[in-house]
N, C-alpha and C. Protein backbone atom coordinates (compact mmCIF):
# COMPACT_ATOMS: atom_id res chain seq x y z
N MET A 1 77.73 -14.59 -4.53
CA MET A 1 77.03 -15.58 -3.76
C MET A 1 75.86 -14.94 -2.98
N ARG A 2 76.14 -13.77 -2.38
CA ARG A 2 75.10 -13.07 -1.63
C ARG A 2 73.94 -12.67 -2.56
N ALA A 3 74.26 -12.20 -3.74
CA ALA A 3 73.22 -11.80 -4.69
C ALA A 3 72.37 -12.99 -5.09
N LEU A 4 72.99 -14.15 -5.28
CA LEU A 4 72.25 -15.36 -5.62
C LEU A 4 71.33 -15.77 -4.47
N ALA A 5 71.80 -15.69 -3.24
CA ALA A 5 70.98 -16.03 -2.07
C ALA A 5 69.81 -15.05 -1.94
N LEU A 6 70.08 -13.77 -2.19
CA LEU A 6 69.02 -12.76 -2.10
C LEU A 6 67.96 -13.01 -3.18
N ARG A 7 68.40 -13.30 -4.41
CA ARG A 7 67.45 -13.58 -5.48
C ARG A 7 66.65 -14.84 -5.19
N SER A 8 67.31 -15.86 -4.67
CA SER A 8 66.61 -17.10 -4.32
C SER A 8 65.57 -16.84 -3.23
N GLY A 9 65.94 -16.02 -2.25
CA GLY A 9 65.01 -15.69 -1.16
C GLY A 9 63.80 -14.93 -1.69
N ILE A 10 64.04 -13.97 -2.57
CA ILE A 10 62.93 -13.20 -3.16
C ILE A 10 62.04 -14.12 -3.98
N LEU A 11 62.64 -15.02 -4.75
CA LEU A 11 61.87 -15.95 -5.55
C LEU A 11 61.02 -16.86 -4.67
N ILE A 12 61.58 -17.36 -3.58
CA ILE A 12 60.82 -18.23 -2.67
C ILE A 12 59.66 -17.47 -2.05
N VAL A 13 59.91 -16.24 -1.61
CA VAL A 13 58.83 -15.43 -1.03
C VAL A 13 57.73 -15.19 -2.07
N ALA A 14 58.10 -14.89 -3.31
CA ALA A 14 57.11 -14.65 -4.36
C ALA A 14 56.28 -15.90 -4.63
N ILE A 15 56.93 -17.05 -4.70
CA ILE A 15 56.21 -18.30 -4.94
C ILE A 15 55.28 -18.61 -3.78
N LEU A 16 55.76 -18.46 -2.55
CA LEU A 16 54.93 -18.74 -1.38
C LEU A 16 53.74 -17.79 -1.31
N SER A 17 53.95 -16.54 -1.65
CA SER A 17 52.84 -15.60 -1.57
C SER A 17 51.78 -15.92 -2.63
N MET A 18 52.20 -16.39 -3.80
CA MET A 18 51.22 -16.77 -4.82
C MET A 18 50.46 -18.01 -4.39
N CYS A 19 51.11 -18.96 -3.76
CA CYS A 19 50.46 -20.19 -3.37
C CYS A 19 49.58 -20.00 -2.14
N SER A 20 49.94 -19.09 -1.25
CA SER A 20 49.19 -18.96 -0.01
C SER A 20 47.90 -18.17 -0.18
N CYS A 21 47.76 -17.44 -1.30
CA CYS A 21 46.55 -16.63 -1.44
C CYS A 21 45.34 -17.48 -1.76
N GLY A 22 45.54 -18.61 -2.37
CA GLY A 22 44.44 -19.53 -2.62
C GLY A 22 43.27 -18.87 -3.33
N ASN A 23 42.11 -18.88 -2.68
CA ASN A 23 40.87 -18.41 -3.26
C ASN A 23 40.46 -17.07 -2.64
N LYS A 24 41.38 -16.22 -2.29
CA LYS A 24 41.06 -14.95 -1.64
C LYS A 24 41.27 -13.80 -2.60
N CYS A 25 40.32 -12.90 -2.59
CA CYS A 25 40.40 -11.66 -3.34
C CYS A 25 40.31 -10.53 -2.33
N ALA A 26 40.37 -9.33 -2.80
CA ALA A 26 40.18 -8.18 -1.91
C ALA A 26 38.74 -8.20 -1.39
N PHE A 27 38.57 -7.79 -0.13
CA PHE A 27 37.23 -7.68 0.44
C PHE A 27 36.47 -6.62 -0.34
N ARG A 28 35.28 -6.99 -0.83
CA ARG A 28 34.58 -6.08 -1.74
C ARG A 28 33.09 -6.34 -1.75
N LEU A 29 32.36 -5.38 -2.30
CA LEU A 29 30.94 -5.56 -2.59
C LEU A 29 30.88 -6.44 -3.83
N ALA A 30 30.49 -7.69 -3.68
CA ALA A 30 30.51 -8.64 -4.78
C ALA A 30 29.18 -8.73 -5.53
N LEU A 31 28.08 -8.39 -4.85
CA LEU A 31 26.77 -8.59 -5.44
C LEU A 31 25.77 -7.69 -4.74
N GLN A 32 24.79 -7.21 -5.50
CA GLN A 32 23.67 -6.47 -4.93
C GLN A 32 22.38 -7.18 -5.33
N LEU A 33 21.59 -7.56 -4.33
CA LEU A 33 20.29 -8.14 -4.58
C LEU A 33 19.28 -7.00 -4.53
N THR A 34 18.50 -6.85 -5.59
CA THR A 34 17.61 -5.70 -5.72
C THR A 34 16.16 -6.08 -5.43
N PHE A 35 15.51 -5.25 -4.63
CA PHE A 35 14.08 -5.34 -4.33
C PHE A 35 13.53 -3.96 -4.64
N SER A 36 12.77 -3.85 -5.73
CA SER A 36 12.46 -2.52 -6.25
C SER A 36 11.11 -2.47 -6.95
N SER A 37 10.50 -1.29 -6.92
CA SER A 37 9.32 -1.03 -7.75
C SER A 37 9.64 0.02 -8.80
N ASP A 38 10.91 0.33 -8.96
CA ASP A 38 11.34 1.26 -10.00
C ASP A 38 11.24 0.54 -11.35
N PRO A 39 10.43 1.04 -12.27
CA PRO A 39 10.26 0.34 -13.56
C PRO A 39 11.57 0.11 -14.31
N LEU A 40 12.54 0.96 -14.11
CA LEU A 40 13.83 0.77 -14.78
C LEU A 40 14.58 -0.43 -14.23
N ARG A 41 14.31 -0.81 -12.98
CA ARG A 41 15.01 -1.93 -12.36
C ARG A 41 14.13 -3.16 -12.20
N ALA A 42 12.81 -2.98 -12.06
CA ALA A 42 11.92 -4.09 -11.75
C ALA A 42 11.30 -4.73 -12.98
N GLY A 43 11.32 -4.04 -14.10
CA GLY A 43 10.73 -4.62 -15.30
C GLY A 43 9.33 -4.12 -15.55
N ASP A 44 8.56 -4.94 -16.25
CA ASP A 44 7.25 -4.53 -16.77
C ASP A 44 6.18 -4.23 -15.73
N ALA A 45 6.15 -4.95 -14.64
CA ALA A 45 5.03 -4.83 -13.70
C ALA A 45 5.51 -4.49 -12.29
N PRO A 46 6.08 -3.31 -12.11
CA PRO A 46 6.52 -2.96 -10.76
C PRO A 46 5.33 -2.75 -9.82
N ILE A 47 5.50 -3.17 -8.58
CA ILE A 47 4.43 -3.03 -7.60
C ILE A 47 4.87 -2.03 -6.54
N PRO A 48 4.18 -0.89 -6.43
CA PRO A 48 4.52 0.09 -5.39
C PRO A 48 4.02 -0.37 -4.02
N VAL A 49 4.58 0.22 -2.97
CA VAL A 49 4.09 -0.05 -1.62
C VAL A 49 2.75 0.66 -1.45
N PRO A 50 1.73 -0.03 -0.95
CA PRO A 50 0.42 0.60 -0.79
C PRO A 50 0.46 1.81 0.14
N CYS A 51 -0.50 2.67 -0.04
CA CYS A 51 -0.64 3.91 0.72
C CYS A 51 -0.78 3.67 2.22
N CYS A 52 -0.39 4.66 2.94
CA CYS A 52 -0.80 4.86 4.33
C CYS A 52 -0.35 3.76 5.28
N GLY A 53 0.89 3.36 5.17
CA GLY A 53 1.44 2.36 6.09
C GLY A 53 1.52 0.96 5.54
N GLY A 54 1.35 0.80 4.24
CA GLY A 54 1.44 -0.52 3.63
C GLY A 54 2.87 -1.03 3.62
N PHE A 55 3.03 -2.25 3.20
CA PHE A 55 4.37 -2.84 3.14
C PHE A 55 4.42 -3.92 2.08
N LEU A 56 5.61 -4.21 1.63
CA LEU A 56 5.90 -5.33 0.75
C LEU A 56 7.14 -6.01 1.30
N PHE A 57 7.31 -7.29 0.99
CA PHE A 57 8.54 -7.96 1.42
C PHE A 57 8.99 -8.96 0.38
N HIS A 58 10.25 -9.33 0.48
CA HIS A 58 10.84 -10.31 -0.43
C HIS A 58 11.87 -11.12 0.34
N ASP A 59 11.83 -12.45 0.17
CA ASP A 59 12.78 -13.32 0.86
C ASP A 59 14.12 -13.36 0.15
N VAL A 60 15.19 -13.41 0.94
CA VAL A 60 16.54 -13.54 0.39
C VAL A 60 17.25 -14.68 1.11
N ASN A 61 17.88 -15.52 0.34
CA ASN A 61 18.59 -16.68 0.86
C ASN A 61 20.07 -16.31 0.98
N LEU A 62 20.55 -16.24 2.21
CA LEU A 62 21.95 -15.87 2.48
C LEU A 62 22.69 -17.05 3.09
N ASN A 63 22.52 -18.23 2.51
CA ASN A 63 23.13 -19.44 3.04
C ASN A 63 24.54 -19.71 2.53
N SER A 64 25.04 -18.97 1.58
CA SER A 64 26.37 -19.21 1.04
C SER A 64 27.44 -18.90 2.09
N ALA A 65 28.39 -19.81 2.22
CA ALA A 65 29.52 -19.61 3.14
C ALA A 65 30.40 -18.46 2.68
N ASP A 66 30.30 -18.06 1.41
CA ASP A 66 31.11 -16.97 0.88
C ASP A 66 30.62 -15.60 1.35
N ILE A 67 29.40 -15.50 1.84
CA ILE A 67 28.86 -14.21 2.29
C ILE A 67 29.43 -13.90 3.66
N GLN A 68 30.18 -12.80 3.75
CA GLN A 68 30.80 -12.43 5.01
C GLN A 68 30.04 -11.31 5.72
N GLN A 69 29.56 -10.34 4.98
CA GLN A 69 28.82 -9.23 5.56
C GLN A 69 27.79 -8.75 4.56
N VAL A 70 26.77 -8.05 5.07
CA VAL A 70 25.74 -7.46 4.22
C VAL A 70 25.48 -6.03 4.65
N ASP A 71 24.94 -5.24 3.73
CA ASP A 71 24.44 -3.91 4.07
C ASP A 71 23.16 -3.68 3.28
N ILE A 72 22.42 -2.64 3.67
CA ILE A 72 21.18 -2.29 2.98
C ILE A 72 21.29 -0.85 2.52
N ALA A 73 20.99 -0.62 1.23
CA ALA A 73 20.90 0.73 0.67
C ALA A 73 19.45 0.98 0.30
N ASN A 74 18.89 2.10 0.80
CA ASN A 74 17.51 2.45 0.50
C ASN A 74 17.54 3.67 -0.40
N GLY A 75 17.29 3.46 -1.67
CA GLY A 75 17.27 4.55 -2.64
C GLY A 75 15.86 4.84 -3.09
N GLN A 76 14.97 5.07 -2.14
CA GLN A 76 13.56 5.32 -2.45
C GLN A 76 13.44 6.30 -3.61
N VAL A 77 12.45 6.11 -4.46
CA VAL A 77 12.38 6.87 -5.71
C VAL A 77 11.28 7.92 -5.78
N ASN A 78 10.54 8.18 -4.70
CA ASN A 78 9.61 9.32 -4.73
C ASN A 78 9.49 9.96 -3.35
N ALA A 79 8.56 10.88 -3.17
CA ALA A 79 8.60 11.83 -2.06
C ALA A 79 8.09 11.36 -0.71
N GLY A 80 7.37 10.27 -0.61
CA GLY A 80 6.87 9.81 0.69
C GLY A 80 7.98 9.19 1.52
N HIS A 81 7.59 8.45 2.54
CA HIS A 81 8.56 7.79 3.41
C HIS A 81 8.39 6.28 3.34
N ILE A 82 9.48 5.59 3.04
CA ILE A 82 9.55 4.13 3.11
C ILE A 82 10.87 3.78 3.77
N ASP A 83 10.80 2.96 4.80
CA ASP A 83 12.01 2.48 5.45
C ASP A 83 12.23 1.02 5.07
N ALA A 84 13.50 0.65 4.99
CA ALA A 84 13.88 -0.73 4.66
C ALA A 84 14.30 -1.45 5.94
N PHE A 85 13.99 -2.74 5.99
CA PHE A 85 14.34 -3.58 7.13
C PHE A 85 14.79 -4.94 6.61
N LEU A 86 15.69 -5.59 7.33
CA LEU A 86 16.01 -7.00 7.13
C LEU A 86 15.54 -7.71 8.39
N VAL A 87 14.62 -8.66 8.21
CA VAL A 87 13.95 -9.28 9.36
C VAL A 87 13.97 -10.80 9.22
N SER A 88 13.43 -11.48 10.22
CA SER A 88 13.33 -12.93 10.20
C SER A 88 12.44 -13.38 9.03
N ALA A 89 12.72 -14.57 8.52
CA ALA A 89 12.03 -15.07 7.32
C ALA A 89 10.57 -15.38 7.55
N ASP A 90 10.14 -15.51 8.80
CA ASP A 90 8.74 -15.84 9.08
C ASP A 90 7.88 -14.60 9.30
N CYS A 91 8.41 -13.43 9.08
CA CYS A 91 7.71 -12.18 9.38
C CYS A 91 6.68 -11.87 8.28
N ALA A 92 5.40 -11.86 8.66
CA ALA A 92 4.33 -11.55 7.72
C ALA A 92 3.84 -10.12 7.85
N LYS A 93 4.09 -9.52 9.01
CA LYS A 93 3.71 -8.12 9.27
C LYS A 93 4.67 -7.62 10.35
N LEU A 94 5.27 -6.46 10.10
CA LEU A 94 6.32 -5.98 11.00
C LEU A 94 5.78 -5.21 12.20
N PHE A 95 4.70 -4.46 12.03
CA PHE A 95 4.15 -3.66 13.13
C PHE A 95 2.64 -3.85 13.21
N ASP A 96 2.12 -3.85 14.44
CA ASP A 96 0.69 -4.00 14.63
C ASP A 96 -0.05 -2.68 14.47
N GLY A 97 0.57 -1.59 14.91
CA GLY A 97 -0.05 -0.28 14.81
C GLY A 97 0.54 0.51 13.65
N PRO A 98 0.17 1.80 13.55
CA PRO A 98 0.72 2.64 12.48
C PRO A 98 2.22 2.84 12.64
N TYR A 99 2.93 2.84 11.52
CA TYR A 99 4.38 3.06 11.53
C TYR A 99 4.68 4.43 10.96
N ASN A 100 5.39 5.25 11.73
CA ASN A 100 5.81 6.58 11.27
C ASN A 100 7.27 6.85 11.58
N GLY A 101 8.10 5.81 11.41
CA GLY A 101 9.54 5.99 11.57
C GLY A 101 10.10 5.55 12.90
N SER A 102 9.25 5.26 13.88
CA SER A 102 9.71 4.79 15.19
C SER A 102 9.45 3.30 15.32
N VAL A 103 10.48 2.56 15.71
CA VAL A 103 10.34 1.12 15.89
C VAL A 103 9.81 0.87 17.30
N VAL A 104 8.50 0.61 17.38
CA VAL A 104 7.84 0.37 18.67
C VAL A 104 7.19 -1.00 18.61
N GLN A 105 7.61 -1.88 19.47
CA GLN A 105 7.06 -3.23 19.59
C GLN A 105 6.91 -3.95 18.25
N PRO A 106 8.04 -4.19 17.57
CA PRO A 106 7.94 -4.95 16.30
C PRO A 106 7.43 -6.36 16.56
N LEU A 107 6.73 -6.89 15.60
CA LEU A 107 6.18 -8.23 15.70
C LEU A 107 7.18 -9.30 15.29
N CYS A 108 8.32 -8.89 14.76
CA CYS A 108 9.32 -9.82 14.24
C CYS A 108 10.71 -9.40 14.70
N LYS A 109 11.65 -10.31 14.58
CA LYS A 109 13.05 -10.02 14.87
C LYS A 109 13.59 -9.13 13.75
N ILE A 110 14.13 -7.96 14.12
CA ILE A 110 14.75 -7.04 13.15
C ILE A 110 16.26 -7.19 13.26
N TYR A 111 16.90 -7.53 12.12
CA TYR A 111 18.35 -7.65 12.08
C TYR A 111 19.00 -6.34 11.64
N MET A 112 18.35 -5.64 10.73
CA MET A 112 18.87 -4.36 10.24
C MET A 112 17.68 -3.45 9.96
N GLY A 113 17.81 -2.19 10.31
CA GLY A 113 16.78 -1.22 10.02
C GLY A 113 16.27 -0.56 11.27
N PRO A 114 15.52 0.50 11.09
CA PRO A 114 15.03 1.05 9.83
C PRO A 114 16.14 1.76 9.05
N VAL A 115 16.07 1.64 7.74
CA VAL A 115 17.01 2.30 6.84
C VAL A 115 16.20 3.33 6.05
N ALA A 116 16.45 4.60 6.32
CA ALA A 116 15.72 5.68 5.68
C ALA A 116 16.16 5.85 4.23
N ALA A 117 15.30 6.49 3.44
CA ALA A 117 15.62 6.76 2.03
C ALA A 117 16.91 7.56 1.93
N GLY A 118 17.73 7.20 0.97
CA GLY A 118 18.97 7.91 0.72
C GLY A 118 20.11 7.52 1.63
N THR A 119 19.95 6.45 2.41
CA THR A 119 21.02 6.03 3.32
C THR A 119 21.42 4.58 3.06
N VAL A 120 22.60 4.25 3.57
CA VAL A 120 23.14 2.90 3.51
C VAL A 120 23.59 2.53 4.92
N THR A 121 23.28 1.33 5.36
CA THR A 121 23.69 0.89 6.68
C THR A 121 25.19 0.57 6.70
N ASP A 122 25.72 0.42 7.88
CA ASP A 122 27.05 -0.16 8.03
C ASP A 122 26.94 -1.63 7.65
N ARG A 123 28.06 -2.22 7.26
CA ARG A 123 28.07 -3.66 6.98
C ARG A 123 27.88 -4.42 8.30
N GLN A 124 27.24 -5.57 8.20
CA GLN A 124 26.95 -6.37 9.38
C GLN A 124 27.15 -7.84 9.08
N ASN A 125 27.63 -8.59 10.06
CA ASN A 125 27.74 -10.04 9.96
C ASN A 125 26.39 -10.65 10.31
N LEU A 126 25.99 -11.66 9.55
CA LEU A 126 24.76 -12.40 9.83
C LEU A 126 25.06 -13.89 9.77
N LEU A 127 24.31 -14.66 10.53
CA LEU A 127 24.42 -16.11 10.41
C LEU A 127 23.82 -16.52 9.07
N PRO A 128 24.34 -17.59 8.45
CA PRO A 128 23.73 -18.07 7.21
C PRO A 128 22.25 -18.40 7.44
N GLY A 129 21.42 -18.10 6.45
CA GLY A 129 20.00 -18.39 6.57
C GLY A 129 19.18 -17.62 5.57
N THR A 130 17.87 -17.74 5.69
CA THR A 130 16.94 -17.00 4.86
C THR A 130 16.40 -15.84 5.69
N TYR A 131 16.32 -14.69 5.05
CA TYR A 131 15.85 -13.47 5.70
C TYR A 131 14.79 -12.85 4.81
N ARG A 132 14.14 -11.81 5.31
CA ARG A 132 13.10 -11.13 4.56
C ARG A 132 13.43 -9.64 4.51
N LEU A 133 13.48 -9.08 3.30
CA LEU A 133 13.62 -7.63 3.12
C LEU A 133 12.23 -7.01 3.14
N PHE A 134 12.05 -5.99 3.97
CA PHE A 134 10.77 -5.30 4.09
C PHE A 134 10.89 -3.89 3.55
N ALA A 135 9.92 -3.47 2.77
CA ALA A 135 9.73 -2.07 2.39
C ALA A 135 8.50 -1.61 3.15
N GLN A 136 8.71 -0.83 4.21
CA GLN A 136 7.62 -0.43 5.12
C GLN A 136 7.32 1.05 4.93
N ALA A 137 6.11 1.35 4.42
CA ALA A 137 5.68 2.73 4.23
C ALA A 137 5.22 3.33 5.56
N TRP A 138 5.38 4.62 5.68
CA TRP A 138 4.88 5.32 6.86
C TRP A 138 3.36 5.49 6.72
N ALA A 139 2.67 5.48 7.85
CA ALA A 139 1.22 5.68 7.86
C ALA A 139 0.85 7.08 7.38
N SER A 140 1.76 8.04 7.51
CA SER A 140 1.48 9.42 7.10
C SER A 140 1.56 9.63 5.59
N ASN A 141 2.02 8.64 4.84
CA ASN A 141 2.04 8.76 3.38
C ASN A 141 0.60 8.89 2.86
N GLU A 142 0.43 9.75 1.86
CA GLU A 142 -0.92 9.97 1.33
C GLU A 142 -1.16 9.27 0.00
N SER A 143 -0.14 8.56 -0.48
CA SER A 143 -0.30 7.83 -1.74
C SER A 143 0.64 6.63 -1.74
N GLU A 144 0.45 5.73 -2.71
CA GLU A 144 1.37 4.60 -2.84
C GLU A 144 2.77 5.13 -3.16
N GLN A 145 3.77 4.33 -2.84
CA GLN A 145 5.15 4.78 -2.98
C GLN A 145 5.98 3.78 -3.76
N ARG A 146 6.85 4.31 -4.63
CA ARG A 146 7.84 3.47 -5.29
C ARG A 146 9.07 3.39 -4.38
N PHE A 147 9.81 2.31 -4.51
CA PHE A 147 10.98 2.10 -3.65
C PHE A 147 12.07 1.39 -4.43
N ASP A 148 13.27 1.43 -3.88
CA ASP A 148 14.43 0.81 -4.52
C ASP A 148 15.42 0.43 -3.41
N ILE A 149 15.41 -0.83 -3.01
CA ILE A 149 16.24 -1.31 -1.91
C ILE A 149 17.25 -2.31 -2.47
N ASP A 150 18.51 -2.15 -2.07
CA ASP A 150 19.56 -3.11 -2.45
C ASP A 150 20.16 -3.72 -1.20
N LEU A 151 20.31 -5.04 -1.21
CA LEU A 151 21.03 -5.75 -0.17
C LEU A 151 22.41 -6.04 -0.73
N GLY A 152 23.43 -5.42 -0.15
CA GLY A 152 24.81 -5.61 -0.62
C GLY A 152 25.44 -6.83 0.02
N ILE A 153 26.09 -7.65 -0.79
CA ILE A 153 26.78 -8.86 -0.34
C ILE A 153 28.28 -8.60 -0.41
N TRP A 154 28.96 -8.70 0.72
CA TRP A 154 30.40 -8.41 0.83
C TRP A 154 31.17 -9.69 1.11
N THR A 155 32.32 -9.85 0.43
CA THR A 155 33.12 -11.06 0.59
C THR A 155 34.55 -10.81 0.14
N ASP A 156 35.44 -11.73 0.53
CA ASP A 156 36.78 -11.74 -0.03
C ASP A 156 36.99 -12.99 -0.88
N SER A 157 35.93 -13.73 -1.13
CA SER A 157 36.00 -14.92 -1.96
C SER A 157 36.01 -14.52 -3.44
N CYS A 158 36.90 -15.12 -4.18
CA CYS A 158 36.94 -14.88 -5.63
C CYS A 158 35.86 -15.69 -6.34
N GLN A 159 35.32 -16.66 -5.65
CA GLN A 159 34.36 -17.59 -6.24
C GLN A 159 32.98 -17.43 -5.65
N LEU A 160 32.58 -16.21 -5.32
CA LEU A 160 31.28 -16.02 -4.69
C LEU A 160 30.21 -16.76 -5.46
N ASN A 161 29.51 -17.61 -4.75
CA ASN A 161 28.46 -18.42 -5.36
C ASN A 161 27.24 -18.40 -4.45
N PRO A 162 26.61 -17.22 -4.30
CA PRO A 162 25.46 -17.17 -3.40
C PRO A 162 24.31 -18.00 -3.94
N THR A 163 23.56 -18.54 -3.03
CA THR A 163 22.41 -19.34 -3.42
C THR A 163 21.18 -18.46 -3.56
N ALA A 164 21.32 -17.17 -3.32
CA ALA A 164 20.17 -16.26 -3.38
C ALA A 164 19.94 -15.78 -4.80
N PRO A 165 18.74 -15.93 -5.31
CA PRO A 165 18.44 -15.35 -6.60
C PRO A 165 18.24 -13.84 -6.44
N THR A 166 18.43 -13.10 -7.49
CA THR A 166 18.15 -11.67 -7.44
C THR A 166 16.65 -11.49 -7.38
N PRO A 167 16.16 -10.76 -6.35
CA PRO A 167 14.72 -10.55 -6.26
C PRO A 167 14.18 -9.90 -7.54
N ARG A 168 12.93 -10.25 -7.88
CA ARG A 168 12.29 -9.67 -9.06
C ARG A 168 11.43 -8.52 -8.66
């Protein structure tokens, strides 16, 4: 009788645990949105960041309720300096003066950054919305620069359905 009760209890626990998990998976990096001028990742017409303090940006839509945290990986692909930033969607220019790695009086709200080449930020919670990824070259660069920035999307949803297209 005891063995039957024990087996029944184990069976009930197993059934309840299967039913209670619902739509949850392990917390993981589910998607990487790429913003790059690396020809291997960007395709036929990669655009490098202009010389001497130039910048490029790309909008990312992070409105999906499945997005729990994000991080930025900056895998710059050549020898100059380019820092990555995640900023407000209305940002047309991040700094008024020359940029050489110090964030002094930004013109826009910075949510993440600067992210130096070869580094990855800690994961961060953000409110749903549209943001702008910036590739900001240092003014001390003497030539145009290639870059490779990934925005990591972290979730425990098995059905991640972000509304953000992968940047081109």
